[in-house]
N, C-alpha and C. Protein backbone atom coordinates (compact mmCIF):
# COMPACT_ATOMS: atom_id res chain seq x y z
N MET A 1 -18.26 10.65 -5.86
CA MET A 1 -17.17 10.35 -6.79
C MET A 1 -15.85 10.23 -6.02
N SER A 2 -15.66 11.09 -5.03
CA SER A 2 -14.41 11.05 -4.25
C SER A 2 -14.30 9.72 -3.51
N THR A 3 -15.45 9.17 -3.08
CA THR A 3 -15.42 7.89 -2.37
C THR A 3 -14.93 6.79 -3.30
N PHE A 4 -15.33 6.83 -4.57
CA PHE A 4 -14.89 5.84 -5.56
C PHE A 4 -13.38 5.89 -5.73
N LEU A 5 -12.84 7.11 -5.81
CA LEU A 5 -11.38 7.27 -5.97
C LEU A 5 -10.66 6.76 -4.73
N HIS A 6 -11.23 6.98 -3.56
CA HIS A 6 -10.61 6.53 -2.31
C HIS A 6 -10.55 5.01 -2.27
N VAL A 7 -11.65 4.37 -2.65
CA VAL A 7 -11.70 2.90 -2.66
C VAL A 7 -10.74 2.35 -3.71
N LEU A 8 -10.67 3.02 -4.86
CA LEU A 8 -9.79 2.57 -5.93
C LEU A 8 -8.32 2.67 -5.50
N SER A 9 -7.97 3.78 -4.87
CA SER A 9 -6.58 3.97 -4.40
C SER A 9 -6.23 2.94 -3.33
N SER A 10 -7.15 2.68 -2.43
CA SER A 10 -6.90 1.70 -1.36
C SER A 10 -6.75 0.31 -1.96
N GLY A 11 -7.52 0.00 -2.99
CA GLY A 11 -7.43 -1.29 -3.66
C GLY A 11 -6.08 -1.45 -4.35
N VAL A 12 -5.60 -0.38 -4.98
CA VAL A 12 -4.30 -0.43 -5.66
C VAL A 12 -3.19 -0.66 -4.63
N LEU A 13 -3.29 0.01 -3.48
CA LEU A 13 -2.27 -0.15 -2.44
C LEU A 13 -2.26 -1.58 -1.93
N LEU A 14 -3.42 -2.24 -1.93
CA LEU A 14 -3.49 -3.63 -1.46
C LEU A 14 -2.99 -4.58 -2.53
N LEU A 15 -3.18 -4.24 -3.80
CA LEU A 15 -2.78 -5.13 -4.90
C LEU A 15 -1.29 -5.02 -5.22
N LEU A 16 -0.70 -3.84 -4.99
CA LEU A 16 0.72 -3.64 -5.30
C LEU A 16 1.63 -4.65 -4.58
N PRO A 17 1.50 -4.83 -3.27
CA PRO A 17 2.34 -5.80 -2.55
C PRO A 17 2.18 -7.20 -3.10
N LEU A 18 0.98 -7.58 -3.51
CA LEU A 18 0.75 -8.93 -4.06
C LEU A 18 1.50 -9.09 -5.37
N CYS A 19 1.49 -8.06 -6.21
CA CYS A 19 2.20 -8.13 -7.50
C CYS A 19 3.71 -8.23 -7.26
N CYS A 20 4.20 -7.49 -6.29
CA CYS A 20 5.64 -7.51 -5.98
C CYS A 20 6.04 -8.90 -5.50
N ARG A 21 5.19 -9.53 -4.68
CA ARG A 21 5.49 -10.86 -4.16
C ARG A 21 5.51 -11.88 -5.30
N LYS A 22 4.61 -11.72 -6.25
CA LYS A 22 4.56 -12.66 -7.39
C LYS A 22 5.81 -12.53 -8.25
N ARG A 23 6.29 -11.29 -8.41
CA ARG A 23 7.49 -11.07 -9.23
C ARG A 23 8.71 -11.71 -8.56
N PHE A 24 8.87 -11.43 -7.26
CA PHE A 24 10.00 -12.02 -6.53
C PHE A 24 9.52 -13.33 -5.96
């Protein structure tokens, strides 16, 4: 279960910059 949370958190960190770029 901890591995799932780790992958999910890493995915969010990768998606956040993309969302910021789309906004600006």
